[in-house]
Amino acid sequence: MALLRDAFARISATMARHAPDYLTTKEVADLLRLKERRVYDLAAAGEIPCTRAVGKLLFHRVEIEAWLAENATGRGAAPRARPQVLLGSHDPLLDWAVRESGSGIATFFDGSFDGLDRFEAGGGIATGLHLRTVSGEEWNVPFVEERFAHANAVLVEWAWRDRGFLVEAGNPKGIGGVEDLATARVVPRQPQAGSQALLEELLREAAIDPETIDFVRPARTENDAAAAVAEGRADVALGLRSIARQYRLEFVPVTRERFDLLVDRASWFEPAFQHFLAFVRSASFREMAEASDGYDLGGVGQVHFNAGGGRTGP
């Protein structure tokens, strides 16, 4: 629609002048040349992305930009190209494979929830996640099936990973389970990280108030979390078995988790992602995967959710 294309041009110009990250209802109404009442109606119907804070509607400019691009139609309306960036949770093997593949794909790992937000806003071609339901019975699918039911995306398996507590050699604090964290310095992750959500859920299951835990400075990657323990800045981190040997740490198993990739369908067939997939099928990748402890890649590539088609696997 011409209205949406014009609004997209205006919001792009506004962004170029360093507009604030969030727009008010009036600002969105001005951009769309609608009455504020109509914007409220769109928000109430879930037809426009918004956030409600302290009783006020706010509209993230990046999400509005993506929404306008997705709804533009006509001969002059081209889909907004996604940047060649892999978002979401950090997985050491995935990180290595992207770099070694020479695909040209960049990475921005800042947590499972952050990745989903950025992917929804068109900020990348794929995002990694390892999110467990409160019941502990499912991984990832419930977090994408409603939010991305009508998106042009597919959820595919990357690997099952062993996750547990990383502790110093000899386990001087005697960490055997989550109940032992009460007397230890613990490495947290950023709030948007799946491992932080899992840690907080484990504490709640053990009836431990997270506020009573001696958390040190947050780590933003799996390697950073392990390094904090290896360097004596903390006693324990909830990390991956694959990292423990690299940092000469002991590993106390806690759970087995599934790490998936939510991939934009169109981007899947582009040269960059196809180049990455070709590397995953290579002997070099197989050798690295076999040398990495705590990984099960038997289901790599299995589709667990296909937008528009629903669940397709266990």
C-alpha atoms as a PDB file:
ATOM      1  CA  MET A   1       0.000   0.000   0.000  1.00  0.00           C
ATOM      2  CA  ALA A   2       1.190   3.491  -0.797  1.00  0.00           C
ATOM      3  CA  LEU A   3       0.388   4.605   2.757  1.00  0.00           C
ATOM      4  CA  LEU A   4       2.696   1.967   4.218  1.00  0.00           C
ATOM      5  CA  ARG A   5       5.495   2.686   1.734  1.00  0.00           C
ATOM      6  CA  ASP A   6       5.299   6.412   2.486  1.00  0.00           C
ATOM      7  CA  ALA A   7       5.242   5.750   6.223  1.00  0.00           C
ATOM      8  CA  PHE A   8       8.262   3.473   5.867  1.00  0.00           C
ATOM      9  CA  ALA A   9      10.149   6.263   4.107  1.00  0.00           C
ATOM     10  CA  ARG A  10       9.211   8.762   6.806  1.00  0.00           C
ATOM     11  CA  ILE A  11      10.227   6.486   9.674  1.00  0.00           C
ATOM     12  CA  SER A  12      13.546   5.734   7.947  1.00  0.00           C
ATOM     13  CA  ALA A  13      14.200   9.470   7.668  1.00  0.00           C
ATOM     14  CA  THR A  14      13.292   9.884  11.328  1.00  0.00           C
ATOM     15  CA  MET A  15      15.749   7.131  12.298  1.00  0.00           C
ATOM     16  CA  ALA A  16      18.468   8.856  10.321  1.00  0.00           C
ATOM     17  CA  ARG A  17      17.994  11.907  12.563  1.00  0.00           C
ATOM     18  CA  HIS A  18      18.708   9.741  15.645  1.00  0.00           C
ATOM     19  CA  ALA A  19      15.105   9.285  16.701  1.00  0.00           C
ATOM     20  CA  PRO A  20      14.468   7.705  20.108  1.00  0.00           C
ATOM     21  CA  ASP A  21      14.261   3.922  20.278  1.00  0.00           C
ATOM     22  CA  TYR A  22      10.569   4.061  21.246  1.00  0.00           C
ATOM     23  CA  LEU A  23       7.761   6.075  19.652  1.00  0.00           C
ATOM     24  CA  THR A  24       4.606   7.326  21.322  1.00  0.00           C
ATOM     25  CA  THR A  25       1.098   6.635  20.034  1.00  0.00           C
ATOM     26  CA  LYS A  26       0.928  10.182  18.650  1.00  0.00           C
ATOM     27  CA  GLU A  27       4.256   9.805  16.827  1.00  0.00           C
ATOM     28  CA  VAL A  28       3.133   6.536  15.240  1.00  0.00           C
ATOM     29  CA  ALA A  29      -0.196   8.110  14.289  1.00  0.00           C
ATOM     30  CA  ASP A  30       1.666  10.991  12.629  1.00  0.00           C
ATOM     31  CA  LEU A  31       3.880   8.571  10.701  1.00  0.00           C
ATOM     32  CA  LEU A  32       0.911   6.560   9.460  1.00  0.00           C
ATOM     33  CA  ARG A  33      -1.307   9.642   9.013  1.00  0.00           C
ATOM     34  CA  LEU A  34      -3.977   8.044  11.138  1.00  0.00           C
ATOM     35  CA  LYS A  35      -5.962   9.157  14.143  1.00  0.00           C
ATOM     36  CA  GLU A  36      -4.512   8.098  17.493  1.00  0.00           C
ATOM     37  CA  ARG A  37      -7.698   6.120  18.162  1.00  0.00           C
ATOM     38  CA  ARG A  38      -6.955   3.960  15.126  1.00  0.00           C
ATOM     39  CA  VAL A  39      -3.436   3.235  16.413  1.00  0.00           C
ATOM     40  CA  TYR A  40      -4.919   2.166  19.757  1.00  0.00           C
ATOM     41  CA  ASP A  41      -7.316  -0.149  17.895  1.00  0.00           C
ATOM     42  CA  LEU A  42      -4.451  -1.702  15.895  1.00  0.00           C
ATOM     43  CA  ALA A  43      -2.505  -2.275  19.099  1.00  0.00           C
ATOM     44  CA  ALA A  44      -5.488  -3.800  20.902  1.00  0.00           C
ATOM     45  CA  ALA A  45      -6.058  -6.182  18.002  1.00  0.00           C
ATOM     46  CA  GLY A  46      -2.406  -7.213  17.977  1.00  0.00           C
ATOM     47  CA  GLU A  47      -1.979  -5.927  14.428  1.00  0.00           C
ATOM     48  CA  ILE A  48       0.922  -3.582  15.192  1.00  0.00           C
ATOM     49  CA  PRO A  49       3.938  -4.383  17.436  1.00  0.00           C
ATOM     50  CA  CYS A  50       3.915  -2.479  20.701  1.00  0.00           C
ATOM     51  CA  THR A  51       4.875  -2.564  24.369  1.00  0.00           C
ATOM     52  CA  ARG A  52       2.730  -1.505  27.318  1.00  0.00           C
ATOM     53  CA  ALA A  53       4.685   0.056  30.191  1.00  0.00           C
ATOM     54  CA  VAL A  54       3.227   1.876  33.232  1.00  0.00           C
ATOM     55  CA  GLY A  55      -0.114   2.064  31.431  1.00  0.00           C
ATOM     56  CA  LYS A  56       1.359   3.662  28.320  1.00  0.00           C
ATOM     57  CA  LEU A  57       1.762   2.233  24.821  1.00  0.00           C
ATOM     58  CA  LEU A  58       5.247   2.439  23.304  1.00  0.00           C
ATOM     59  CA  PHE A  59       6.343   1.334  19.840  1.00  0.00           C
ATOM     60  CA  HIS A  60       9.901   0.188  19.190  1.00  0.00           C
ATOM     61  CA  ARG A  61      11.059   1.939  16.052  1.00  0.00           C
ATOM     62  CA  VAL A  62      12.908  -1.138  14.721  1.00  0.00           C
ATOM     63  CA  GLU A  63       9.788  -3.279  15.086  1.00  0.00           C
ATOM     64  CA  ILE A  64       7.634  -0.614  13.422  1.00  0.00           C
ATOM     65  CA  GLU A  65      10.130  -0.442  10.544  1.00  0.00           C
ATOM     66  CA  ALA A  66       9.967  -4.229  10.092  1.00  0.00           C
ATOM     67  CA  TRP A  67       6.169  -4.202  10.330  1.00  0.00           C
ATOM     68  CA  LEU A  68       5.895  -1.530   7.651  1.00  0.00           C
ATOM     69  CA  ALA A  69       8.256  -3.409   5.346  1.00  0.00           C
ATOM     70  CA  GLU A  70       6.392  -6.688   5.797  1.00  0.00           C
ATOM     71  CA  ASN A  71       3.052  -5.063   5.000  1.00  0.00           C
ATOM     72  CA  ALA A  72       4.188  -3.078   1.974  1.00  0.00           C
ATOM     73  CA  THR A  73       2.721  -4.387  -1.296  1.00  0.00           C
ATOM     74  CA  GLY A  74       2.760  -3.481  -4.958  1.00  0.00           C
ATOM     75  CA  ARG A  75       5.344  -3.370  -7.707  1.00  0.00           C
ATOM     76  CA  GLY A  76       7.625  -0.992  -5.827  1.00  0.00           C
ATOM     77  CA  ALA A  77       7.523  -2.894  -2.565  1.00  0.00           C
ATOM     78  CA  ALA A  78      10.539  -5.133  -2.084  1.00  0.00           C
ATOM     79  CA  PRO A  79      10.965  -7.268   1.040  1.00  0.00           C
ATOM     80  CA  ARG A  80      13.356  -5.739   3.537  1.00  0.00           C
ATOM     81  CA  ALA A  81      16.601  -7.681   3.207  1.00  0.00           C
ATOM     82  CA  ARG A  82      17.735  -9.308   6.422  1.00  0.00           C
ATOM     83  CA  PRO A  83      21.356  -8.624   7.341  1.00  0.00           C
ATOM     84  CA  GLN A  84      23.633 -11.672   7.124  1.00  0.00           C
ATOM     85  CA  VAL A  85      23.828 -12.024  10.911  1.00  0.00           C
ATOM     86  CA  LEU A  86      23.350 -15.038  13.179  1.00  0.00           C
ATOM     87  CA  LEU A  87      21.661 -13.948  16.405  1.00  0.00           C
ATOM     88  CA  GLY A  88      20.686 -15.424  19.745  1.00  0.00           C
ATOM     89  CA  SER A  89      22.404 -17.767  22.149  1.00  0.00           C
ATOM     90  CA  HIS A  90      26.106 -18.536  22.028  1.00  0.00           C
ATOM     91  CA  ASP A  91      27.120 -22.072  21.168  1.00  0.00           C
ATOM     92  CA  PRO A  92      30.902 -22.648  20.907  1.00  0.00           C
ATOM     93  CA  LEU A  93      30.665 -25.257  18.142  1.00  0.00           C
ATOM     94  CA  LEU A  94      28.239 -23.137  16.119  1.00  0.00           C
ATOM     95  CA  ASP A  95      30.401 -20.051  16.614  1.00  0.00           C
ATOM     96  CA  TRP A  96      33.452 -21.953  15.356  1.00  0.00           C
ATOM     97  CA  ALA A  97      31.572 -23.405  12.377  1.00  0.00           C
ATOM     98  CA  VAL A  98      30.300 -20.007  11.231  1.00  0.00           C
ATOM     99  CA  ARG A  99      33.829 -18.559  11.330  1.00  0.00           C
ATOM    100  CA  GLU A 100      35.538 -21.557   9.744  1.00  0.00           C
ATOM    101  CA  SER A 101      32.946 -21.895   6.986  1.00  0.00           C
ATOM    102  CA  GLY A 102      33.967 -18.623   5.350  1.00  0.00           C
ATOM    103  CA  SER A 103      30.293 -17.980   4.648  1.00  0.00           C
ATOM    104  CA  GLY A 104      30.504 -14.270   5.414  1.00  0.00           C
ATOM    105  CA  ILE A 105      27.801 -14.578   8.080  1.00  0.00           C
ATOM    106  CA  ALA A 106      28.430 -12.293  11.057  1.00  0.00           C
ATOM    107  CA  THR A 107      27.384 -13.144  14.626  1.00  0.00           C
ATOM    108  CA  PHE A 108      25.707 -11.213  17.409  1.00  0.00           C
ATOM    109  CA  PHE A 109      25.234 -13.539  20.383  1.00  0.00           C
ATOM    110  CA  ASP A 110      23.384 -11.895  23.270  1.00  0.00           C
ATOM    111  CA  GLY A 111      20.995 -14.548  24.527  1.00  0.00           C
ATOM    112  CA  SER A 112      18.038 -16.647  23.397  1.00  0.00           C
ATOM    113  CA  PHE A 113      15.360 -14.063  24.207  1.00  0.00           C
ATOM    114  CA  ASP A 114      17.347 -11.195  22.711  1.00  0.00           C
ATOM    115  CA  GLY A 115      17.784 -13.221  19.533  1.00  0.00           C
ATOM    116  CA  LEU A 116      14.068 -13.886  19.201  1.00  0.00           C
ATOM    117  CA  ASP A 117      13.326 -10.166  19.565  1.00  0.00           C
ATOM    118  CA  ARG A 118      15.919  -9.185  16.982  1.00  0.00           C
ATOM    119  CA  PHE A 119      14.879 -11.942  14.582  1.00  0.00           C
ATOM    120  CA  GLU A 120      11.245 -10.828  14.779  1.00  0.00           C
ATOM    121  CA  ALA A 121      12.367  -7.282  13.967  1.00  0.00           C
ATOM    122  CA  GLY A 122      14.273  -8.512  10.906  1.00  0.00           C
ATOM    123  CA  GLY A 123      17.695  -8.103  12.490  1.00  0.00           C
ATOM    124  CA  GLY A 124      19.227 -11.347  11.233  1.00  0.00           C
ATOM    125  CA  ILE A 125      18.811 -14.459   9.102  1.00  0.00           C
ATOM    126  CA  ALA A 126      18.692 -16.927  12.003  1.00  0.00           C
ATOM    127  CA  THR A 127      18.772 -17.103  15.783  1.00  0.00           C
ATOM    128  CA  GLY A 128      19.906 -19.772  18.219  1.00  0.00           C
ATOM    129  CA  LEU A 129      17.933 -20.714  21.323  1.00  0.00           C
ATOM    130  CA  HIS A 130      17.807 -23.248  24.147  1.00  0.00           C
ATOM    131  CA  LEU A 131      14.700 -22.406  26.168  1.00  0.00           C
ATOM    132  CA  ARG A 132      13.064 -24.907  28.487  1.00  0.00           C
ATOM    133  CA  THR A 133       9.406 -24.776  29.443  1.00  0.00           C
ATOM    134  CA  VAL A 134       8.634 -24.456  33.157  1.00  0.00           C
ATOM    135  CA  SER A 135       7.490 -28.089  33.189  1.00  0.00           C
ATOM    136  CA  GLY A 136      10.889 -29.090  31.806  1.00  0.00           C
ATOM    137  CA  GLU A 137       9.217 -31.290  29.193  1.00  0.00           C
ATOM    138  CA  GLU A 138       9.882 -29.233  26.060  1.00  0.00           C
ATOM    139  CA  TRP A 139      12.596 -27.152  24.470  1.00  0.00           C
ATOM    140  CA  ASN A 140      12.166 -24.126  22.195  1.00  0.00           C
ATOM    141  CA  VAL A 141       9.013 -25.004  20.218  1.00  0.00           C
ATOM    142  CA  PRO A 142       6.497 -23.409  22.656  1.00  0.00           C
ATOM    143  CA  PHE A 143       8.519 -20.191  22.548  1.00  0.00           C
ATOM    144  CA  VAL A 144       8.226 -19.856  18.767  1.00  0.00           C
ATOM    145  CA  GLU A 145       4.995 -21.574  17.680  1.00  0.00           C
ATOM    146  CA  GLU A 146       2.636 -18.716  18.598  1.00  0.00           C
ATOM    147  CA  ARG A 147       4.995 -15.790  18.131  1.00  0.00           C
ATOM    148  CA  PHE A 148       6.171 -16.952  14.698  1.00  0.00           C
ATOM    149  CA  ALA A 149       3.140 -18.951  13.552  1.00  0.00           C
ATOM    150  CA  HIS A 150       2.762 -16.762  10.465  1.00  0.00           C
ATOM    151  CA  ALA A 151       6.411 -15.917   9.933  1.00  0.00           C
ATOM    152  CA  ASN A 152       8.455 -17.153   7.014  1.00  0.00           C
ATOM    153  CA  ALA A 153      10.637 -19.275   9.296  1.00  0.00           C
ATOM    154  CA  VAL A 154      11.526 -22.807  10.322  1.00  0.00           C
ATOM    155  CA  LEU A 155      12.958 -24.196  13.592  1.00  0.00           C
ATOM    156  CA  VAL A 156      15.688 -26.789  13.032  1.00  0.00           C
ATOM    157  CA  GLU A 157      17.787 -28.759  15.481  1.00  0.00           C
ATOM    158  CA  TRP A 158      21.457 -27.976  15.926  1.00  0.00           C
ATOM    159  CA  ALA A 159      22.494 -30.242  18.808  1.00  0.00           C
ATOM    160  CA  TRP A 160      21.706 -31.736  22.178  1.00  0.00           C
ATOM    161  CA  ARG A 161      24.193 -30.435  24.762  1.00  0.00           C
ATOM    162  CA  ASP A 162      25.211 -31.473  28.281  1.00  0.00           C
ATOM    163  CA  ARG A 163      24.855 -28.561  30.695  1.00  0.00           C
ATOM    164  CA  GLY A 164      25.955 -28.506  34.306  1.00  0.00           C
ATOM    165  CA  PHE A 165      28.106 -26.748  36.882  1.00  0.00           C
ATOM    166  CA  LEU A 166      31.643 -25.785  35.949  1.00  0.00           C
ATOM    167  CA  VAL A 167      33.901 -25.815  39.027  1.00  0.00           C
ATOM    168  CA  GLU A 168      37.610 -25.670  39.792  1.00  0.00           C
ATOM    169  CA  ALA A 169      39.663 -28.848  39.535  1.00  0.00           C
ATOM    170  CA  GLY A 170      39.078 -30.893  42.668  1.00  0.00           C
ATOM    171  CA  ASN A 171      35.735 -29.168  43.261  1.00  0.00           C
ATOM    172  CA  PRO A 172      36.929 -27.405  46.451  1.00  0.00           C
ATOM    173  CA  LYS A 173      33.452 -26.026  47.213  1.00  0.00           C
ATOM    174  CA  GLY A 174      31.919 -29.490  46.983  1.00  0.00           C
ATOM    175  CA  ILE A 175      29.304 -28.434  44.427  1.00  0.00           C
ATOM    176  CA  GLY A 176      27.026 -31.404  43.848  1.00  0.00           C
ATOM    177  CA  GLY A 177      23.744 -29.729  43.000  1.00  0.00           C
ATOM    178  CA  VAL A 178      21.859 -26.457  42.872  1.00  0.00           C
ATOM    179  CA  GLU A 179      21.402 -26.454  46.662  1.00  0.00           C
ATOM    180  CA  ASP A 180      25.178 -25.971  47.057  1.00  0.00           C
ATOM    181  CA  LEU A 181      25.142 -22.617  45.252  1.00  0.00           C
ATOM    182  CA  ALA A 182      24.041 -20.876  48.454  1.00  0.00           C
ATOM    183  CA  THR A 183      27.645 -20.809  49.691  1.00  0.00           C
ATOM    184  CA  ALA A 184      29.412 -20.116  46.396  1.00  0.00           C
ATOM    185  CA  ARG A 185      30.232 -17.210  44.130  1.00  0.00           C
ATOM    186  CA  VAL A 186      28.130 -17.848  41.043  1.00  0.00           C
ATOM    187  CA  VAL A 187      28.571 -16.549  37.496  1.00  0.00           C
ATOM    188  CA  PRO A 188      25.231 -15.279  36.133  1.00  0.00           C
ATOM    189  CA  ARG A 189      24.458 -14.622  32.492  1.00  0.00           C
ATOM    190  CA  GLN A 190      22.729 -11.606  30.965  1.00  0.00           C
ATOM    191  CA  PRO A 191      18.933 -11.463  31.635  1.00  0.00           C
ATOM    192  CA  GLN A 192      18.084 -12.369  28.008  1.00  0.00           C
ATOM    193  CA  ALA A 193      20.158 -15.570  28.079  1.00  0.00           C
ATOM    194  CA  GLY A 194      18.509 -18.983  28.097  1.00  0.00           C
ATOM    195  CA  SER A 195      21.063 -20.315  30.571  1.00  0.00           C
ATOM    196  CA  GLN A 196      20.186 -17.532  33.028  1.00  0.00           C
ATOM    197  CA  ALA A 197      16.492 -18.371  32.730  1.00  0.00           C
ATOM    198  CA  LEU A 198      17.351 -22.027  33.364  1.00  0.00           C
ATOM    199  CA  LEU A 199      19.523 -21.173  36.377  1.00  0.00           C
ATOM    200  CA  GLU A 200      16.780 -19.057  37.942  1.00  0.00           C
ATOM    201  CA  GLU A 201      14.243 -21.813  37.306  1.00  0.00           C
ATOM    202  CA  LEU A 202      16.519 -24.394  38.951  1.00  0.00           C
ATOM    203  CA  LEU A 203      16.868 -22.121  41.986  1.00  0.00           C
ATOM    204  CA  ARG A 204      13.099 -21.717  42.240  1.00  0.00           C
ATOM    205  CA  GLU A 205      12.602 -25.476  41.973  1.00  0.00           C
ATOM    206  CA  ALA A 206      14.996 -25.871  44.904  1.00  0.00           C
ATOM    207  CA  ALA A 207      13.109 -23.156  46.847  1.00  0.00           C
ATOM    208  CA  ILE A 208      16.175 -20.891  46.796  1.00  0.00           C
ATOM    209  CA  ASP A 209      15.630 -17.151  46.436  1.00  0.00           C
ATOM    210  CA  PRO A 210      17.958 -15.878  43.660  1.00  0.00           C
ATOM    211  CA  GLU A 211      18.404 -12.709  45.700  1.00  0.00           C
ATOM    212  CA  THR A 212      20.338 -14.723  48.305  1.00  0.00           C
ATOM    213  CA  ILE A 213      22.940 -15.940  45.789  1.00  0.00           C
ATOM    214  CA  ASP A 214      26.354 -14.261  45.618  1.00  0.00           C
ATOM    215  CA  PHE A 215      26.353 -13.444  41.912  1.00  0.00           C
ATOM    216  CA  VAL A 216      29.535 -12.000  40.393  1.00  0.00           C
ATOM    217  CA  ARG A 217      29.722  -9.962  37.199  1.00  0.00           C
ATOM    218  CA  PRO A 218      27.534 -11.442  34.400  1.00  0.00           C
ATOM    219  CA  ALA A 219      29.181 -13.335  31.532  1.00  0.00           C
ATOM    220  CA  ARG A 220      27.821 -12.872  28.022  1.00  0.00           C
ATOM    221  CA  THR A 221      29.147 -16.072  26.418  1.00  0.00           C
ATOM    222  CA  GLU A 222      29.802 -19.672  27.421  1.00  0.00           C
ATOM    223  CA  ASN A 223      33.550 -19.052  27.223  1.00  0.00           C
ATOM    224  CA  ASP A 224      33.352 -15.951  29.422  1.00  0.00           C
ATOM    225  CA  ALA A 225      31.437 -17.898  32.082  1.00  0.00           C
ATOM    226  CA  ALA A 226      34.066 -20.657  32.142  1.00  0.00           C
ATOM    227  CA  ALA A 227      36.932 -18.160  32.192  1.00  0.00           C
ATOM    228  CA  ALA A 228      35.505 -16.495  35.318  1.00  0.00           C
ATOM    229  CA  VAL A 229      35.796 -19.801  37.197  1.00  0.00           C
ATOM    230  CA  ALA A 230      39.167 -20.747  35.710  1.00  0.00           C
ATOM    231  CA  GLU A 231      40.626 -17.378  36.727  1.00  0.00           C
ATOM    232  CA  GLY A 232      39.295 -17.595  40.294  1.00  0.00           C
ATOM    233  CA  ARG A 233      36.780 -14.784  39.941  1.00  0.00           C
ATOM    234  CA  ALA A 234      33.943 -17.172  40.768  1.00  0.00           C
ATOM    235  CA  ASP A 235      33.414 -20.658  42.204  1.00  0.00           C
ATOM    236  CA  VAL A 236      30.821 -22.020  39.799  1.00  0.00           C
ATOM    237  CA  ALA A 237      29.069 -21.336  36.501  1.00  0.00           C
ATOM    238  CA  LEU A 238      26.176 -23.104  34.797  1.00  0.00           C
ATOM    239  CA  GLY A 239      27.977 -24.046  31.602  1.00  0.00           C
ATOM    240  CA  LEU A 240      28.581 -26.641  28.920  1.00  0.00           C
ATOM    241  CA  ARG A 241      30.538 -29.875  29.238  1.00  0.00           C
ATOM    242  CA  SER A 242      32.301 -29.005  25.980  1.00  0.00           C
ATOM    243  CA  ILE A 243      33.874 -25.967  27.648  1.00  0.00           C
ATOM    244  CA  ALA A 244      35.036 -27.679  30.859  1.00  0.00           C
ATOM    245  CA  ARG A 245      38.012 -29.532  29.364  1.00  0.00           C
ATOM    246  CA  GLN A 246      39.124 -26.476  27.413  1.00  0.00           C
ATOM    247  CA  TYR A 247      39.449 -24.486  30.668  1.00  0.00           C
ATOM    248  CA  ARG A 248      40.601 -27.471  32.763  1.00  0.00           C
ATOM    249  CA  LEU A 249      37.506 -27.381  34.919  1.00  0.00           C
ATOM    250  CA  GLU A 250      35.448 -30.175  36.450  1.00  0.00           C
ATOM    251  CA  PHE A 251      31.911 -30.713  35.235  1.00  0.00           C
ATOM    252  CA  VAL A 252      28.913 -31.561  37.447  1.00  0.00           C
ATOM    253  CA  PRO A 253      26.052 -32.648  35.130  1.00  0.00           C
ATOM    254  CA  VAL A 254      22.637 -31.025  35.600  1.00  0.00           C
ATOM    255  CA  THR A 255      20.589 -31.446  32.416  1.00  0.00           C
ATOM    256  CA  ARG A 256      20.611 -32.202  28.705  1.00  0.00           C
ATOM    257  CA  GLU A 257      19.291 -29.401  26.519  1.00  0.00           C
ATOM    258  CA  ARG A 258      18.358 -28.984  22.876  1.00  0.00           C
ATOM    259  CA  PHE A 259      19.850 -26.064  20.962  1.00  0.00           C
ATOM    260  CA  ASP A 260      17.851 -25.086  17.867  1.00  0.00           C
ATOM    261  CA  LEU A 261      18.127 -22.532  15.092  1.00  0.00           C
ATOM    262  CA  LEU A 262      15.128 -20.465  13.974  1.00  0.00           C
ATOM    263  CA  VAL A 263      15.948 -19.652  10.335  1.00  0.00           C
ATOM    264  CA  ASP A 264      14.324 -17.300   7.850  1.00  0.00           C
ATOM    265  CA  ARG A 265      13.150 -19.500   4.961  1.00  0.00           C
ATOM    266  CA  ALA A 266      14.269 -17.127   2.221  1.00  0.00           C
ATOM    267  CA  SER A 267      17.707 -16.724   3.819  1.00  0.00           C
ATOM    268  CA  TRP A 268      18.111 -20.510   4.041  1.00  0.00           C
ATOM    269  CA  PHE A 269      18.471 -20.679   0.247  1.00  0.00           C
ATOM    270  CA  GLU A 270      20.805 -17.700  -0.073  1.00  0.00           C
ATOM    271  CA  PRO A 271      24.489 -18.392  -0.900  1.00  0.00           C
ATOM    272  CA  ALA A 272      25.792 -17.432   2.568  1.00  0.00           C
ATOM    273  CA  PHE A 273      23.634 -19.877   4.507  1.00  0.00           C
ATOM    274  CA  GLN A 274      24.062 -22.605   1.892  1.00  0.00           C
ATOM    275  CA  HIS A 275      27.830 -22.149   2.191  1.00  0.00           C
ATOM    276  CA  PHE A 276      27.546 -22.573   5.963  1.00  0.00           C
ATOM    277  CA  LEU A 277      25.396 -25.710   5.561  1.00  0.00           C
ATOM    278  CA  ALA A 278      27.919 -27.189   3.160  1.00  0.00           C
ATOM    279  CA  PHE A 279      30.636 -26.740   5.784  1.00  0.00           C
ATOM    280  CA  VAL A 280      28.468 -28.472   8.408  1.00  0.00           C
ATOM    281  CA  ARG A 281      28.421 -31.492   6.077  1.00  0.00           C
ATOM    282  CA  SER A 282      32.212 -31.458   5.716  1.00  0.00           C
ATOM    283  CA  ALA A 283      34.853 -33.748   7.248  1.00  0.00           C
ATOM    284  CA  SER A 284      36.407 -30.769   9.063  1.00  0.00           C
ATOM    285  CA  PHE A 285      33.171 -30.105  10.899  1.00  0.00           C
ATOM    286  CA  ARG A 286      32.676 -33.791  11.759  1.00  0.00           C
ATOM    287  CA  GLU A 287      36.162 -33.968  13.236  1.00  0.00           C
ATOM    288  CA  MET A 288      35.577 -30.916  15.423  1.00  0.00           C
ATOM    289  CA  ALA A 289      32.154 -32.159  16.530  1.00  0.00           C
ATOM    290  CA  GLU A 290      33.569 -35.547  17.503  1.00  0.00           C
ATOM    291  CA  ALA A 291      36.363 -33.880  19.473  1.00  0.00           C
ATOM    292  CA  SER A 292      33.904 -31.668  21.392  1.00  0.00           C
ATOM    293  CA  ASP A 293      32.616 -33.261  24.603  1.00  0.00           C
ATOM    294  CA  GLY A 294      28.960 -33.107  25.503  1.00  0.00           C
ATOM    295  CA  TYR A 295      27.448 -32.770  22.023  1.00  0.00           C
ATOM    296  CA  ASP A 296      24.964 -35.069  20.309  1.00  0.00           C
ATOM    297  CA  LEU A 297      24.470 -33.994  16.689  1.00  0.00           C
ATOM    298  CA  GLY A 298      22.490 -37.042  15.659  1.00  0.00           C
ATOM    299  CA  GLY A 299      19.454 -34.878  14.870  1.00  0.00           C
ATOM    300  CA  VAL A 300      21.191 -31.887  13.288  1.00  0.00           C
ATOM    301  CA  GLY A 301      18.904 -30.379  10.647  1.00  0.00           C
ATOM    302  CA  GLN A 302      15.721 -32.032  11.958  1.00  0.00           C
ATOM    303  CA  VAL A 303      12.745 -29.685  11.604  1.00  0.00           C
ATOM    304  CA  HIS A 304      10.812 -29.197  14.853  1.00  0.00           C
ATOM    305  CA  PHE A 305       8.524 -26.355  13.780  1.00  0.00           C
ATOM    306  CA  ASN A 306       7.531 -25.081  10.355  1.00  0.00           C
ATOM    307  CA  ALA A 307       5.690 -21.767  10.418  1.00  0.00           C
ATOM    308  CA  GLY A 308       2.331 -22.246   8.760  1.00  0.00           C
ATOM    309  CA  GLY A 309       2.563 -25.996   9.202  1.00  0.00           C
ATOM    310  CA  GLY A 310       3.078 -26.300  12.952  1.00  0.00           C
ATOM    311  CA  ARG A 311       5.146 -28.854  14.814  1.00  0.00           C
ATOM    312  CA  THR A 312       6.914 -31.415  12.704  1.00  0.00           C
ATOM    313  CA  GLY A 313       8.987 -33.370  15.231  1.00  0.00           C
ATOM    314  CA  PRO A 314       9.257 -34.463  18.886  1.00  0.00           C
END
